Amino acid sequence: EAFAQDAIGSFITQDGKIKTYNPGKFELDDL
């Protein structure tokens, strides 16, 4: 769980934004 939280959590800012995620690309893989 720590590995998963570190990996995924490293992308998520305190205000819920996701680094390197571009919603305008509309790629289902990103979900």
PDB file of all heavy atoms in Angstrom:
ATOM      1  N   GLU A   1       0.831  -1.201   0.000  1.00  0.00           N
ATOM      2  CA  GLU A   1       0.000   0.000   0.000  1.00  0.00           C
ATOM      3  C   GLU A   1       0.868   1.255   0.000  1.00  0.00           C
ATOM      4  O   GLU A   1       0.563   2.236  -0.683  1.00  0.00           O
ATOM      5  CB  GLU A   1      -0.939   0.019   1.202  1.00  0.00           C
ATOM      6  CG  GLU A   1      -1.872   1.217   1.178  1.00  0.00           C
ATOM      7  CD  GLU A   1      -2.957   1.166   2.237  1.00  0.00           C
ATOM      8  OE1 GLU A   1      -3.281   0.079   2.733  1.00  0.00           O
ATOM      9  OE2 GLU A   1      -3.495   2.237   2.557  1.00  0.00           O
ATOM     10  N   ALA A   2       1.965   1.226   0.730  1.00  0.00           N
ATOM     11  CA  ALA A   2       2.854   2.387   0.785  1.00  0.00           C
ATOM     12  C   ALA A   2       3.436   2.699  -0.598  1.00  0.00           C
ATOM     13  O   ALA A   2       3.505   3.867  -1.003  1.00  0.00           O
ATOM     14  CB  ALA A   2       3.973   2.148   1.789  1.00  0.00           C
ATOM     15  N   PHE A   3       3.835   1.661  -1.331  1.00  0.00           N
ATOM     16  CA  PHE A   3       4.381   1.870  -2.669  1.00  0.00           C
ATOM     17  C   PHE A   3       3.329   2.513  -3.567  1.00  0.00           C
ATOM     18  O   PHE A   3       3.601   3.482  -4.275  1.00  0.00           O
ATOM     19  CB  PHE A   3       4.859   0.548  -3.268  1.00  0.00           C
ATOM     20  CG  PHE A   3       5.597   0.709  -4.570  1.00  0.00           C
ATOM     21  CD1 PHE A   3       6.972   0.822  -4.594  1.00  0.00           C
ATOM     22  CD2 PHE A   3       4.907   0.750  -5.772  1.00  0.00           C
ATOM     23  CE1 PHE A   3       7.660   0.974  -5.802  1.00  0.00           C
ATOM     24  CE2 PHE A   3       5.573   0.899  -6.982  1.00  0.00           C
ATOM     25  CZ  PHE A   3       6.951   1.010  -6.994  1.00  0.00           C
ATOM     26  N   ALA A   4       2.116   1.975  -3.539  1.00  0.00           N
ATOM     27  CA  ALA A   4       1.035   2.504  -4.367  1.00  0.00           C
ATOM     28  C   ALA A   4       0.705   3.950  -3.975  1.00  0.00           C
ATOM     29  O   ALA A   4       0.530   4.808  -4.838  1.00  0.00           O
ATOM     30  CB  ALA A   4      -0.206   1.624  -4.231  1.00  0.00           C
ATOM     31  N   GLN A   5       0.634   4.204  -2.688  1.00  0.00           N
ATOM     32  CA  GLN A   5       0.313   5.560  -2.239  1.00  0.00           C
ATOM     33  C   GLN A   5       1.422   6.532  -2.610  1.00  0.00           C
ATOM     34  O   GLN A   5       1.150   7.656  -3.022  1.00  0.00           O
ATOM     35  CB  GLN A   5       0.063   5.593  -0.732  1.00  0.00           C
ATOM     36  CG  GLN A   5      -0.396   6.958  -0.265  1.00  0.00           C
ATOM     37  CD  GLN A   5      -0.955   6.946   1.130  1.00  0.00           C
ATOM     38  OE1 GLN A   5      -1.376   5.923   1.634  1.00  0.00           O
ATOM     39  NE2 GLN A   5      -0.976   8.102   1.755  1.00  0.00           N
ATOM     40  N   ASP A   6       2.665   6.110  -2.482  1.00  0.00           N
ATOM     41  CA  ASP A   6       3.781   6.990  -2.863  1.00  0.00           C
ATOM     42  C   ASP A   6       3.753   7.290  -4.361  1.00  0.00           C
ATOM     43  O   ASP A   6       3.949   8.426  -4.769  1.00  0.00           O
ATOM     44  CB  ASP A   6       5.120   6.362  -2.491  1.00  0.00           C
ATOM     45  CG  ASP A   6       5.374   6.344  -0.997  1.00  0.00           C
ATOM     46  OD1 ASP A   6       4.655   7.024  -0.239  1.00  0.00           O
ATOM     47  OD2 ASP A   6       6.309   5.627  -0.571  1.00  0.00           O
ATOM     48  N   ALA A   7       3.536   6.247  -5.166  1.00  0.00           N
ATOM     49  CA  ALA A   7       3.547   6.442  -6.618  1.00  0.00           C
ATOM     50  C   ALA A   7       2.393   7.339  -7.059  1.00  0.00           C
ATOM     51  O   ALA A   7       2.613   8.393  -7.653  1.00  0.00           O
ATOM     52  CB  ALA A   7       3.486   5.096  -7.336  1.00  0.00           C
ATOM     53  N   ILE A   8       1.170   6.951  -6.759  1.00  0.00           N
ATOM     54  CA  ILE A   8       0.006   7.728  -7.193  1.00  0.00           C
ATOM     55  C   ILE A   8      -0.069   9.067  -6.461  1.00  0.00           C
ATOM     56  O   ILE A   8      -0.325  10.110  -7.059  1.00  0.00           O
ATOM     57  CB  ILE A   8      -1.297   6.924  -6.998  1.00  0.00           C
ATOM     58  CG1 ILE A   8      -1.295   5.683  -7.899  1.00  0.00           C
ATOM     59  CG2 ILE A   8      -2.531   7.779  -7.263  1.00  0.00           C
ATOM     60  CD1 ILE A   8      -1.233   5.957  -9.386  1.00  0.00           C
ATOM     61  N   GLY A   9       0.189   9.046  -5.165  1.00  0.00           N
ATOM     62  CA  GLY A   9       0.119  10.271  -4.371  1.00  0.00           C
ATOM     63  C   GLY A   9       1.118  11.328  -4.788  1.00  0.00           C
ATOM     64  O   GLY A   9       0.882  12.526  -4.597  1.00  0.00           O
ATOM     65  N   SER A  10       2.243  10.912  -5.387  1.00  0.00           N
ATOM     66  CA  SER A  10       3.259  11.887  -5.790  1.00  0.00           C
ATOM     67  C   SER A  10       2.755  12.806  -6.905  1.00  0.00           C
ATOM     68  O   SER A  10       3.281  13.900  -7.085  1.00  0.00           O
ATOM     69  CB  SER A  10       4.540  11.170  -6.239  1.00  0.00           C
ATOM     70  OG  SER A  10       4.353  10.488  -7.468  1.00  0.00           O
ATOM     71  N   PHE A  11       1.744  12.381  -7.634  1.00  0.00           N
ATOM     72  CA  PHE A  11       1.201  13.175  -8.723  1.00  0.00           C
ATOM     73  C   PHE A  11       0.125  14.154  -8.263  1.00  0.00           C
ATOM     74  O   PHE A  11      -0.206  15.088  -8.980  1.00  0.00           O
ATOM     75  CB  PHE A  11       0.561  12.252  -9.784  1.00  0.00           C
ATOM     76  CG  PHE A  11       1.554  11.481 -10.588  1.00  0.00           C
ATOM     77  CD1 PHE A  11       1.979  10.235 -10.165  1.00  0.00           C
ATOM     78  CD2 PHE A  11       2.070  11.994 -11.762  1.00  0.00           C
ATOM     79  CE1 PHE A  11       2.898   9.507 -10.897  1.00  0.00           C
ATOM     80  CE2 PHE A  11       2.991  11.272 -12.504  1.00  0.00           C
ATOM     81  CZ  PHE A  11       3.413  10.028 -12.073  1.00  0.00           C
ATOM     82  N   ILE A  12      -0.444  13.920  -7.094  1.00  0.00           N
ATOM     83  CA  ILE A  12      -1.632  14.660  -6.683  1.00  0.00           C
ATOM     84  C   ILE A  12      -1.268  15.762  -5.692  1.00  0.00           C
ATOM     85  O   ILE A  12      -0.723  15.497  -4.625  1.00  0.00           O
ATOM     86  CB  ILE A  12      -2.678  13.698  -6.081  1.00  0.00           C
ATOM     87  CG1 ILE A  12      -3.048  12.650  -7.132  1.00  0.00           C
ATOM     88  CG2 ILE A  12      -3.910  14.459  -5.604  1.00  0.00           C
ATOM     89  CD1 ILE A  12      -3.935  11.553  -6.626  1.00  0.00           C
ATOM     90  N   THR A  13      -1.621  16.988  -6.064  1.00  0.00           N
ATOM     91  CA  THR A  13      -1.337  18.132  -5.203  1.00  0.00           C
ATOM     92  C   THR A  13      -2.384  18.216  -4.097  1.00  0.00           C
ATOM     93  O   THR A  13      -3.407  17.525  -4.136  1.00  0.00           O
ATOM     94  CB  THR A  13      -1.349  19.442  -6.027  1.00  0.00           C
ATOM     95  OG1 THR A  13      -2.672  19.647  -6.537  1.00  0.00           O
ATOM     96  CG2 THR A  13      -0.343  19.390  -7.171  1.00  0.00           C
ATOM     97  N   GLN A  14      -2.162  19.068  -3.160  1.00  0.00           N
ATOM     98  CA  GLN A  14      -3.104  19.227  -2.038  1.00  0.00           C
ATOM     99  C   GLN A  14      -4.470  19.709  -2.500  1.00  0.00           C
ATOM    100  O   GLN A  14      -5.478  19.407  -1.863  1.00  0.00           O
ATOM    101  CB  GLN A  14      -2.528  20.179  -0.984  1.00  0.00           C
ATOM    102  CG  GLN A  14      -1.352  19.602  -0.221  1.00  0.00           C
ATOM    103  CD  GLN A  14      -1.686  18.294   0.464  1.00  0.00           C
ATOM    104  OE1 GLN A  14      -2.712  18.143   1.120  1.00  0.00           O
ATOM    105  NE2 GLN A  14      -0.809  17.301   0.305  1.00  0.00           N
ATOM    106  N   ASP A  15      -4.508  20.433  -3.628  1.00  0.00           N
ATOM    107  CA  ASP A  15      -5.802  20.902  -4.131  1.00  0.00           C
ATOM    108  C   ASP A  15      -6.410  19.947  -5.160  1.00  0.00           C
ATOM    109  O   ASP A  15      -7.380  20.291  -5.843  1.00  0.00           O
ATOM    110  CB  ASP A  15      -5.691  22.323  -4.685  1.00  0.00           C
ATOM    111  CG  ASP A  15      -4.729  22.438  -5.857  1.00  0.00           C
ATOM    112  OD1 ASP A  15      -4.034  21.448  -6.183  1.00  0.00           O
ATOM    113  OD2 ASP A  15      -4.664  23.533  -6.447  1.00  0.00           O
ATOM    114  N   GLY A  16      -5.870  18.731  -5.273  1.00  0.00           N
ATOM    115  CA  GLY A  16      -6.465  17.696  -6.115  1.00  0.00           C
ATOM    116  C   GLY A  16      -6.063  17.719  -7.575  1.00  0.00           C
ATOM    117  O   GLY A  16      -6.576  16.925  -8.363  1.00  0.00           O
ATOM    118  N   LYS A  17      -5.163  18.601  -7.951  1.00  0.00           N
ATOM    119  CA  LYS A  17      -4.686  18.598  -9.331  1.00  0.00           C
ATOM    120  C   LYS A  17      -3.719  17.414  -9.513  1.00  0.00           C
ATOM    121  O   LYS A  17      -3.084  16.973  -8.566  1.00  0.00           O
ATOM    122  CB  LYS A  17      -4.010  19.913  -9.656  1.00  0.00           C
ATOM    123  CG  LYS A  17      -5.006  21.067  -9.716  1.00  0.00           C
ATOM    124  CD  LYS A  17      -4.367  22.327 -10.223  1.00  0.00           C
ATOM    125  CE  LYS A  17      -5.377  23.419 -10.418  1.00  0.00           C
ATOM    126  NZ  LYS A  17      -6.015  23.871  -9.227  1.00  0.00           N
ATOM    127  N   ILE A  18      -3.633  16.928 -10.746  1.00  0.00           N
ATOM    128  CA  ILE A  18      -2.809  15.762 -11.045  1.00  0.00           C
ATOM    129  C   ILE A  18      -1.717  16.165 -12.024  1.00  0.00           C
ATOM    130  O   ILE A  18      -2.003  16.546 -13.166  1.00  0.00           O
ATOM    131  CB  ILE A  18      -3.665  14.619 -11.633  1.00  0.00           C
ATOM    132  CG1 ILE A  18      -4.797  14.267 -10.673  1.00  0.00           C
ATOM    133  CG2 ILE A  18      -2.796  13.403 -11.938  1.00  0.00           C
ATOM    134  CD1 ILE A  18      -5.844  13.335 -11.263  1.00  0.00           C
ATOM    135  N   LYS A  19      -0.482  16.057 -11.578  1.00  0.00           N
ATOM    136  CA  LYS A  19       0.657  16.433 -12.421  1.00  0.00           C
ATOM    137  C   LYS A  19       0.769  15.467 -13.602  1.00  0.00           C
ATOM    138  O   LYS A  19       0.591  14.266 -13.435  1.00  0.00           O
ATOM    139  CB  LYS A  19       1.936  16.430 -11.597  1.00  0.00           C
ATOM    140  CG  LYS A  19       1.895  17.465 -10.497  1.00  0.00           C
ATOM    141  CD  LYS A  19       3.027  17.311  -9.528  1.00  0.00           C
ATOM    142  CE  LYS A  19       2.857  18.327  -8.423  1.00  0.00           C
ATOM    143  NZ  LYS A  19       3.708  18.087  -7.297  1.00  0.00           N
ATOM    144  N   THR A  20       1.048  15.996 -14.752  1.00  0.00           N
ATOM    145  CA  THR A  20       1.206  15.339 -16.057  1.00  0.00           C
ATOM    146  C   THR A  20      -0.114  14.852 -16.654  1.00  0.00           C
ATOM    147  O   THR A  20      -0.123  14.352 -17.769  1.00  0.00           O
ATOM    148  CB  THR A  20       2.250  14.187 -16.076  1.00  0.00           C
ATOM    149  OG1 THR A  20       1.713  13.012 -15.516  1.00  0.00           O
ATOM    150  CG2 THR A  20       3.555  14.591 -15.399  1.00  0.00           C
ATOM    151  N   TYR A  21      -1.230  15.004 -15.962  1.00  0.00           N
ATOM    152  CA  TYR A  21      -2.535  14.610 -16.493  1.00  0.00           C
ATOM    153  C   TYR A  21      -3.112  15.753 -17.303  1.00  0.00           C
ATOM    154  O   TYR A  21      -3.160  16.889 -16.839  1.00  0.00           O
ATOM    155  CB  TYR A  21      -3.474  14.241 -15.338  1.00  0.00           C
ATOM    156  CG  TYR A  21      -4.936  14.123 -15.712  1.00  0.00           C
ATOM    157  CD1 TYR A  21      -5.379  13.153 -16.606  1.00  0.00           C
ATOM    158  CD2 TYR A  21      -5.882  14.979 -15.159  1.00  0.00           C
ATOM    159  CE1 TYR A  21      -6.722  13.045 -16.934  1.00  0.00           C
ATOM    160  CE2 TYR A  21      -7.226  14.871 -15.476  1.00  0.00           C
ATOM    161  CZ  TYR A  21      -7.637  13.905 -16.362  1.00  0.00           C
ATOM    162  OH  TYR A  21      -8.964  13.802 -16.681  1.00  0.00           O
ATOM    163  N   ASN A  22      -3.541  15.471 -18.519  1.00  0.00           N
ATOM    164  CA  ASN A  22      -4.131  16.476 -19.394  1.00  0.00           C
ATOM    165  C   ASN A  22      -5.543  16.019 -19.760  1.00  0.00           C
ATOM    166  O   ASN A  22      -5.711  15.199 -20.664  1.00  0.00           O
ATOM    167  CB  ASN A  22      -3.279  16.651 -20.650  1.00  0.00           C
ATOM    168  CG  ASN A  22      -3.853  17.659 -21.616  1.00  0.00           C
ATOM    169  OD1 ASN A  22      -4.945  18.198 -21.420  1.00  0.00           O
ATOM    170  ND2 ASN A  22      -3.122  17.924 -22.681  1.00  0.00           N
ATOM    171  N   PRO A  23      -6.556  16.542 -19.068  1.00  0.00           N
ATOM    172  CA  PRO A  23      -7.915  16.092 -19.355  1.00  0.00           C
ATOM    173  C   PRO A  23      -8.372  16.408 -20.768  1.00  0.00           C
ATOM    174  O   PRO A  23      -9.235  15.726 -21.311  1.00  0.00           O
ATOM    175  CB  PRO A  23      -8.769  16.814 -18.316  1.00  0.00           C
ATOM    176  CG  PRO A  23      -7.939  17.929 -17.806  1.00  0.00           C
ATOM    177  CD  PRO A  23      -6.510  17.553 -18.015  1.00  0.00           C
ATOM    178  N   GLY A  24      -7.773  17.390 -21.407  1.00  0.00           N
ATOM    179  CA  GLY A  24      -8.151  17.762 -22.763  1.00  0.00           C
ATOM    180  C   GLY A  24      -7.763  16.729 -23.808  1.00  0.00           C
ATOM    181  O   GLY A  24      -8.254  16.772 -24.933  1.00  0.00           O
ATOM    182  N   LYS A  25      -6.901  15.789 -23.456  1.00  0.00           N
ATOM    183  CA  LYS A  25      -6.544  14.713 -24.398  1.00  0.00           C
ATOM    184  C   LYS A  25      -7.648  13.664 -24.483  1.00  0.00           C
ATOM    185  O   LYS A  25      -7.703  12.903 -25.438  1.00  0.00           O
ATOM    186  CB  LYS A  25      -5.230  14.039 -23.975  1.00  0.00           C
ATOM    187  CG  LYS A  25      -4.028  14.921 -24.150  1.00  0.00           C
ATOM    188  CD  LYS A  25      -2.688  14.260 -23.907  1.00  0.00           C
ATOM    189  CE  LYS A  25      -2.654  13.011 -23.128  1.00  0.00           C
ATOM    190  NZ  LYS A  25      -1.322  12.492 -22.837  1.00  0.00           N
ATOM    191  N   PHE A  26      -8.490  13.607 -23.472  1.00  0.00           N
ATOM    192  CA  PHE A  26      -9.603  12.655 -23.439  1.00  0.00           C
ATOM    193  C   PHE A  26      -9.152  11.213 -23.692  1.00  0.00           C
ATOM    194  O   PHE A  26      -9.721  10.512 -24.527  1.00  0.00           O
ATOM    195  CB  PHE A  26     -10.703  13.049 -24.429  1.00  0.00           C
ATOM    196  CG  PHE A  26     -11.392  14.324 -24.061  1.00  0.00           C
ATOM    197  CD1 PHE A  26     -11.141  15.492 -24.746  1.00  0.00           C
ATOM    198  CD2 PHE A  26     -12.281  14.354 -23.003  1.00  0.00           C
ATOM    199  CE1 PHE A  26     -11.765  16.673 -24.396  1.00  0.00           C
ATOM    200  CE2 PHE A  26     -12.925  15.529 -22.639  1.00  0.00           C
ATOM    201  CZ  PHE A  26     -12.658  16.687 -23.340  1.00  0.00           C
ATOM    202  N   GLU A  27      -8.133  10.775 -22.969  1.00  0.00           N
ATOM    203  CA  GLU A  27      -7.664   9.402 -23.083  1.00  0.00           C
ATOM    204  C   GLU A  27      -8.227   8.588 -21.918  1.00  0.00           C
ATOM    205  O   GLU A  27      -7.948   8.881 -20.753  1.00  0.00           O
ATOM    206  CB  GLU A  27      -6.138   9.354 -23.072  1.00  0.00           C
ATOM    207  CG  GLU A  27      -5.528   9.981 -24.303  1.00  0.00           C
ATOM    208  CD  GLU A  27      -4.023   9.814 -24.384  1.00  0.00           C
ATOM    209  OE1 GLU A  27      -3.463   9.007 -23.612  1.00  0.00           O
ATOM    210  OE2 GLU A  27      -3.417  10.481 -25.230  1.00  0.00           O
ATOM    211  N   LEU A  28      -9.004   7.576 -22.232  1.00  0.00           N
ATOM    212  CA  LEU A  28      -9.576   6.745 -21.167  1.00  0.00           C
ATOM    213  C   LEU A  28      -8.484   6.058 -20.347  1.00  0.00           C
ATOM    214  O   LEU A  28      -8.678   5.796 -19.167  1.00  0.00           O
ATOM    215  CB  LEU A  28     -10.529   5.703 -21.748  1.00  0.00           C
ATOM    216  CG  LEU A  28     -11.871   6.227 -22.244  1.00  0.00           C
ATOM    217  CD1 LEU A  28     -12.721   5.080 -22.780  1.00  0.00           C
ATOM    218  CD2 LEU A  28     -12.617   6.970 -21.153  1.00  0.00           C
ATOM    219  N   ASP A  29      -7.328   5.788 -20.954  1.00  0.00           N
ATOM    220  CA  ASP A  29      -6.233   5.162 -20.214  1.00  0.00           C
ATOM    221  C   ASP A  29      -5.839   5.984 -18.985  1.00  0.00           C
ATOM    222  O   ASP A  29      -5.427   5.432 -17.970  1.00  0.00           O
ATOM    223  CB  ASP A  29      -5.003   4.970 -21.099  1.00  0.00           C
ATOM    224  CG  ASP A  29      -5.173   3.837 -22.101  1.00  0.00           C
ATOM    225  OD1 ASP A  29      -6.145   3.057 -21.967  1.00  0.00           O
ATOM    226  OD2 ASP A  29      -4.331   3.721 -23.004  1.00  0.00           O
ATOM    227  N   ASP A  30      -5.966   7.295 -19.086  1.00  0.00           N
ATOM    228  CA  ASP A  30      -5.597   8.157 -17.965  1.00  0.00           C
ATOM    229  C   ASP A  30      -6.523   7.985 -16.767  1.00  0.00           C
ATOM    230  O   ASP A  30      -6.185   8.384 -15.658  1.00  0.00           O
ATOM    231  CB  ASP A  30      -5.599   9.628 -18.395  1.00  0.00           C
ATOM    232  CG  ASP A  30      -4.438   9.961 -19.320  1.00  0.00           C
ATOM    233  OD1 ASP A  30      -3.458   9.194 -19.356  1.00  0.00           O
ATOM    234  OD2 ASP A  30      -4.515  11.001 -20.003  1.00  0.00           O
ATOM    235  N   LEU A  31      -7.672   7.402 -16.995  1.00  0.00           N
ATOM    236  CA  LEU A  31      -8.625   7.219 -15.898  1.00  0.00           C
ATOM    237  C   LEU A  31      -8.339   5.962 -15.080  1.00  0.00           C
ATOM    238  O   LEU A  31      -8.866   5.814 -13.978  1.00  0.00           O
ATOM    239  CB  LEU A  31     -10.053   7.178 -16.437  1.00  0.00           C
ATOM    240  CG  LEU A  31     -10.503   8.435 -17.189  1.00  0.00           C
ATOM    241  CD1 LEU A  31     -11.938   8.277 -17.650  1.00  0.00           C
ATOM    242  CD2 LEU A  31     -10.333   9.673 -16.334  1.00  0.00           C
TER     243      LEU A  31
END
